[in-house]
């Protein structure tokens, strides 16, 4: 996929798109791959996603992680390092393998200094991402596991642009910070309602409208 299929890049001016393309190169991201671990001191990079989906996880002092966001082709990972903002306990893990374009943070920072229109677009995206994370955090506080699972499945389908999801119960338990048996029970409830079907490592969404209505409960509470 081309760089311009990324939603954030698509809205930029043509000159900004062309300049950005000069500092990016295509990469293939693998499921489970860790990107931009803010707790590490590796050279930061920015990934503009064009097929892959990446989970945003927060890491506790006990080294446990909990998903608080999911990014797909609408956005990018690692922009906080460019603007020197954001918490230091975030981890970004590839949930769905796919394509992306990667740039060195230093190169992008220099480009943003030269192109204020691009800086404005990226700042607006980061505000949107912060709202998304806040909504996910509210879901953890207010919703039961079944509703949280419904929301994660809707997000996964939206970001990956498919209702055929290659997600294991173990992976979902890790994302939601619960025991695997809790995911099995919640998935069983969704299946009984006719919202999903699943077999080993694969979940098919059968009724996206109903699943989205269930997942939107917290959306209405937070007004995001």
Protein backbone atom coordinates (compact mmCIF):
# COMPACT_ATOMS: atom_id res chain seq x y z
CA UNK A 1 0.00 0.00 0.00
CA UNK A 2 1.14 3.55 -0.68
CA UNK A 3 1.86 6.08 2.04
CA UNK A 4 -1.14 8.12 0.91
CA UNK A 5 -3.59 5.40 2.01
CA UNK A 6 -2.84 6.46 5.59
CA UNK A 7 -5.69 8.68 6.82
CA UNK A 8 -3.41 11.19 8.53
CA UNK A 9 -1.21 11.58 5.45
CA UNK A 10 -4.19 11.74 3.09
CA UNK A 11 -5.43 15.00 4.62
CA UNK A 12 -2.08 16.78 4.23
CA UNK A 13 -1.28 19.24 1.45
CA UNK A 14 0.31 17.65 -1.62
CA UNK A 15 3.67 19.32 -0.96
CA UNK A 16 3.67 18.01 2.62
CA UNK A 17 2.83 14.52 1.37
CA UNK A 18 5.71 14.57 -1.11
CA UNK A 19 8.23 15.80 1.45
CA UNK A 20 7.12 13.21 3.97
CA UNK A 21 7.44 10.43 1.43
CA UNK A 22 11.11 11.32 0.95
CA UNK A 23 11.93 10.51 4.60
CA UNK A 24 9.79 7.36 4.88
CA UNK A 25 10.39 3.79 3.80
CA UNK A 26 7.93 0.86 3.63
CA UNK A 27 8.07 -1.91 6.23
CA UNK A 28 6.11 -5.06 7.02
CA UNK A 29 5.00 -5.29 10.65
CA UNK A 30 4.51 -8.69 12.29
CA UNK A 31 1.85 -9.64 14.83
CA UNK A 32 3.27 -9.38 18.34
CA UNK A 33 6.07 -7.02 17.30
CA UNK A 34 6.87 -4.26 19.81
CA UNK A 35 7.20 -0.72 18.40
CA UNK A 36 8.40 2.44 20.11
CA UNK A 37 8.58 1.07 23.67
CA UNK A 38 8.86 4.34 25.61
CA UNK A 39 10.50 2.55 28.54
CA UNK A 40 13.46 1.65 26.34
CA UNK A 41 16.13 3.98 24.97
CA UNK A 42 16.22 2.85 21.35
CA UNK A 43 16.28 5.45 18.58
CA UNK A 44 12.62 6.54 18.27
CA UNK A 45 10.77 6.03 15.01
CA UNK A 46 7.35 6.97 13.68
CA UNK A 47 5.15 4.40 11.94
CA UNK A 48 2.40 5.56 9.58
CA UNK A 49 0.11 2.54 9.37
CA UNK A 50 -1.27 1.42 6.00
CA UNK A 51 -2.57 -2.05 6.85
CA UNK A 52 -1.24 -3.08 10.23
CA UNK A 53 -3.11 -2.45 13.50
CA UNK A 54 -1.21 -1.56 16.67
CA UNK A 55 -2.44 -1.75 20.26
CA UNK A 56 -1.52 1.03 22.69
CA UNK A 57 -0.71 -0.47 26.08
CA UNK A 58 0.11 1.15 29.39
CA UNK A 59 2.62 -0.61 31.62
CA UNK A 60 2.28 -0.64 35.41
CA UNK A 61 5.09 -0.61 37.93
CA UNK A 62 4.66 -4.38 38.24
CA UNK A 63 5.34 -4.72 34.47
CA UNK A 64 1.74 -5.71 33.70
CA UNK A 65 0.21 -4.15 30.59
CA UNK A 66 -3.33 -3.10 29.68
CA UNK A 67 -4.59 -1.94 26.29
CA UNK A 68 -5.94 1.62 26.22
CA UNK A 69 -6.15 2.17 22.47
CA UNK A 70 -5.93 0.69 19.00
CA UNK A 71 -4.50 2.44 15.94
CA UNK A 72 -4.94 1.45 12.30
CA UNK A 73 -4.62 3.06 8.89
CA UNK A 74 -6.23 6.24 10.18
CA UNK A 75 -3.14 7.21 12.16
CA UNK A 76 0.41 6.68 13.30
CA UNK A 77 2.52 5.38 16.18
CA UNK A 78 5.43 7.24 17.78
CA UNK A 79 4.42 10.85 17.12
CA UNK A 80 4.81 11.69 20.80
CA UNK A 81 8.57 11.19 20.52
CA UNK A 82 8.72 13.80 17.75
CA UNK A 83 7.01 16.47 19.86
CA UNK A 84 8.60 15.22 23.11
CA UNK A 85 5.22 14.65 24.77
CA UNK A 86 3.34 11.72 26.27
CA UNK A 87 3.85 9.31 29.18
CA UNK A 88 6.95 7.16 29.49
CA UNK A 89 5.16 3.90 30.32
CA UNK A 90 3.49 3.20 26.97
CA UNK A 91 4.10 0.17 24.81
CA UNK A 92 2.94 -0.29 21.22
CA UNK A 93 2.34 -3.87 20.10
CA UNK A 94 1.27 -5.00 16.63
CA UNK A 95 -2.09 -6.78 16.86
CA UNK A 96 -2.67 -7.33 13.14
CA UNK A 97 0.25 -7.81 10.77
CA UNK A 98 0.42 -5.52 7.77
CA UNK A 99 2.16 -2.68 5.99
CA UNK A 100 3.41 0.63 7.37
CA UNK A 101 5.81 3.42 6.47
CA UNK A 102 8.53 4.33 8.94
CA UNK A 103 10.47 7.57 9.46
CA UNK A 104 13.18 8.55 11.92
CA UNK A 105 11.80 10.87 14.59
CA UNK A 106 14.63 13.37 14.09
CA UNK A 107 13.91 13.61 10.35
CA UNK A 108 10.20 14.15 10.96
CA UNK A 109 10.87 16.74 13.67
CA UNK A 110 12.97 18.75 11.23
CA UNK A 111 10.26 18.53 8.58
CA UNK A 112 7.57 19.69 11.02
CA UNK A 113 9.71 22.71 11.87
CA UNK A 114 9.70 23.61 8.18
CA UNK A 115 6.04 22.78 7.49
CA UNK A 116 3.66 24.30 10.10
CA UNK A 117 0.59 22.96 8.28
CA UNK A 118 1.83 19.42 8.83
CA UNK A 119 2.52 20.19 12.49
CA UNK A 120 -1.06 21.42 12.92
CA UNK A 121 -2.52 18.25 11.35
CA UNK A 122 -0.41 15.99 13.55
CA UNK A 123 -1.31 17.99 16.67
CA UNK A 124 -5.00 17.61 15.83
CA UNK A 125 -4.53 13.86 15.40
CA UNK A 126 -2.80 13.57 18.78
CA UNK A 127 -5.77 15.34 20.42
CA UNK A 128 -8.08 12.79 18.80
CA UNK A 129 -5.87 9.92 19.97
CA UNK A 130 -5.89 11.28 23.53
CA UNK A 131 -9.71 11.33 23.44
CA UNK A 132 -9.72 7.75 22.17
CA UNK A 133 -7.46 6.63 25.02
CA UNK A 134 -9.66 8.48 27.54
CA UNK A 135 -12.72 6.63 26.25
CA UNK A 136 -10.95 3.30 26.58
CA UNK A 137 -9.88 4.17 30.12
CA UNK A 138 -13.49 5.02 31.00
CA UNK A 139 -14.58 1.65 29.61
CA UNK A 140 -12.17 -0.11 31.96
CA UNK A 141 -13.69 1.78 34.89
CA UNK A 142 -17.40 1.58 34.07
CA UNK A 143 -18.04 -1.44 31.82
CA UNK A 144 -18.19 -5.17 32.36
CA UNK A 145 -15.97 -7.59 30.49
CA UNK A 146 -18.59 -8.46 27.86
CA UNK A 147 -19.07 -4.81 26.90
CA UNK A 148 -15.32 -4.19 26.88
CA UNK A 149 -14.80 -7.23 24.66
CA UNK A 150 -17.52 -6.00 22.29
CA UNK A 151 -15.81 -2.62 22.08
CA UNK A 152 -12.39 -4.15 21.36
CA UNK A 153 -13.85 -6.34 18.61
CA UNK A 154 -15.57 -3.35 17.01
CA UNK A 155 -12.35 -1.34 17.16
CA UNK A 156 -10.38 -4.24 15.72
CA UNK A 157 -12.83 -4.64 12.84
CA UNK A 158 -12.88 -0.91 12.12
CA UNK A 159 -9.09 -0.56 12.19
CA UNK A 160 -8.41 -3.73 10.17
CA UNK A 161 -11.39 -3.06 7.85
CA UNK A 162 -12.62 -6.63 8.13
CA UNK A 163 -15.12 -8.53 10.27
CA UNK A 164 -12.99 -11.69 10.07
CA UNK A 165 -10.53 -11.26 12.94
CA UNK A 166 -7.55 -13.48 13.71
CA UNK A 167 -7.56 -13.02 17.49
CA UNK A 168 -7.07 -15.67 20.15
CA UNK A 169 -8.78 -15.64 23.53
CA UNK A 170 -5.34 -15.48 25.13
CA UNK A 171 -4.46 -12.35 23.17
CA UNK A 172 -7.78 -10.70 24.04
CA UNK A 173 -7.29 -11.53 27.72
CA UNK A 174 -3.89 -9.83 27.60
CA UNK A 175 -5.34 -6.76 25.87
CA UNK A 176 -8.19 -6.37 28.37
CA UNK A 177 -6.13 -7.31 31.42
CA UNK A 178 -8.37 -10.20 32.49
CA UNK A 179 -8.12 -13.97 32.80
CA UNK A 180 -8.54 -16.09 29.69
CA UNK A 181 -11.59 -17.81 31.17
CA UNK A 182 -13.29 -14.41 31.48
CA UNK A 183 -12.84 -13.86 27.73
CA UNK A 184 -14.21 -17.33 27.02
CA UNK A 185 -17.34 -16.58 29.05
CA UNK A 186 -17.83 -13.13 27.51
CA UNK A 187 -17.29 -14.44 23.98
CA UNK A 188 -19.76 -17.23 24.70
CA UNK A 189 -22.37 -14.64 25.71
CA UNK A 190 -21.82 -12.66 22.50
CA UNK A 191 -22.09 -15.86 20.50
CA UNK A 192 -25.35 -16.83 22.20
CA UNK A 193 -26.77 -13.43 21.23
CA UNK A 194 -25.83 -14.09 17.61
CA UNK A 195 -23.34 -11.21 17.49
CA UNK A 196 -20.20 -13.25 16.79
CA UNK A 197 -19.01 -16.72 15.94
CA UNK A 198 -15.59 -18.09 16.72
CA UNK A 199 -13.28 -21.03 16.40
CA UNK A 200 -9.65 -21.49 17.35
CA UNK A 201 -7.83 -18.21 16.72
CA UNK A 202 -10.57 -16.66 14.56
CA UNK A 203 -13.57 -14.47 15.44
CA UNK A 204 -16.24 -13.57 12.89
CA UNK A 205 -18.57 -10.64 13.59
CA UNK A 206 -22.10 -11.59 12.51
CA UNK A 207 -24.08 -8.53 13.64
CA UNK A 208 -21.90 -5.42 13.61
CA UNK A 209 -24.82 -3.06 14.29
CA UNK A 210 -25.79 -4.78 17.54
CA UNK A 211 -22.17 -5.23 18.59
CA UNK A 212 -21.49 -1.55 17.99
CA UNK A 213 -24.55 -0.53 20.01
CA UNK A 214 -23.27 -2.56 22.94
CA UNK A 215 -19.79 -1.06 22.67
CA UNK A 216 -21.09 2.52 22.40
CA UNK A 217 -22.35 2.65 26.00
CA UNK A 218 -19.16 4.21 27.31
CA UNK A 219 -18.97 6.45 24.24
CA UNK A 220 -22.23 8.03 25.35
CA UNK A 221 -21.03 8.43 28.93
CA UNK A 222 -17.78 10.19 28.04
CA UNK A 223 -19.18 12.26 25.14
CA UNK A 224 -15.99 11.61 23.12
